[in-house]
Amino acid sequence: MYKIPHVIIGENRTFMGEEELLRSRGVKVEVLNHEICFQLMQDFIFNNSLLWNEDIGLT
């Protein structure tokens, strides 16, 4: 529908999304797993746990 050809993901250790769904629809998916991206997410979750849990459907 959106014809997105390529998605770059900074890291996926924190939360694995719909990567396989994207691939199955012909999207090139690159997962970099950069340590700084992981640390940014860990810091965000630590400082905003209520928002994070709401966003991923835990609350």
Protein backbone atom coordinates (compact mmCIF):
# COMPACT_ATOMS: atom_id res chain seq x y z
CA MET A 1 0.00 0.00 0.00
CA TYR A 2 2.75 2.48 0.95
CA LYS A 3 5.43 0.95 -1.28
CA ILE A 4 8.18 1.32 1.31
CA PRO A 5 11.19 -0.45 -0.22
CA HIS A 6 13.67 -0.46 2.68
CA VAL A 7 13.50 -0.17 6.48
CA ILE A 8 16.55 0.30 8.69
CA ILE A 9 16.14 -0.66 12.36
CA GLY A 10 18.67 0.67 14.86
CA GLU A 11 18.25 -2.28 17.24
CA ASN A 12 15.71 -5.01 17.91
CA ARG A 13 16.82 -6.47 21.24
CA THR A 14 14.47 -4.17 23.15
CA PHE A 15 11.39 -5.01 21.10
CA MET A 16 11.03 -7.17 18.02
CA GLY A 17 8.45 -5.71 15.69
CA GLU A 18 6.83 -7.01 12.51
CA GLU A 19 10.08 -7.54 10.65
CA GLU A 20 9.02 -10.84 9.08
CA LEU A 21 5.73 -9.34 7.95
CA LEU A 22 7.63 -6.56 6.20
CA ARG A 23 9.99 -9.05 4.56
CA SER A 24 7.07 -11.20 3.42
CA ARG A 25 5.74 -8.14 1.60
CA GLY A 26 8.98 -7.50 -0.24
CA VAL A 27 10.48 -4.86 2.04
CA LYS A 28 14.22 -5.03 2.58
CA VAL A 29 14.77 -5.00 6.36
CA GLU A 30 18.18 -4.17 7.83
CA VAL A 31 18.76 -4.56 11.58
CA LEU A 32 21.90 -2.73 12.65
CA ASN A 33 21.84 -3.61 16.37
CA HIS A 34 23.88 -0.55 17.28
CA GLU A 35 24.77 -0.46 20.95
CA ILE A 36 23.95 3.24 21.26
CA CYS A 37 20.42 2.62 19.94
CA PHE A 38 19.98 -0.18 22.49
CA GLN A 39 21.19 2.08 25.31
CA LEU A 40 18.90 4.91 24.20
CA MET A 41 15.92 2.55 24.36
CA GLN A 42 16.96 1.20 27.76
CA ASP A 43 17.27 4.75 29.09
CA PHE A 44 13.89 5.70 27.63
CA ILE A 45 12.18 2.66 29.16
CA PHE A 46 13.79 3.30 32.54
CA ASN A 47 12.71 6.96 32.53
CA ASN A 48 9.28 6.43 30.93
CA SER A 49 8.15 2.97 31.98
CA LEU A 50 4.43 3.83 32.13
CA LEU A 51 4.49 5.29 28.64
CA TRP A 52 6.51 2.35 27.29
CA ASN A 53 4.20 -0.24 28.83
CA GLU A 54 1.16 1.59 27.48
CA ASP A 55 2.71 1.83 24.02
CA ILE A 56 3.46 -1.91 23.76
CA GLY A 57 0.13 -2.92 25.29
CA LEU A 58 1.14 -4.03 28.80
CA THR A 59 -1.25 -1.66 30.58
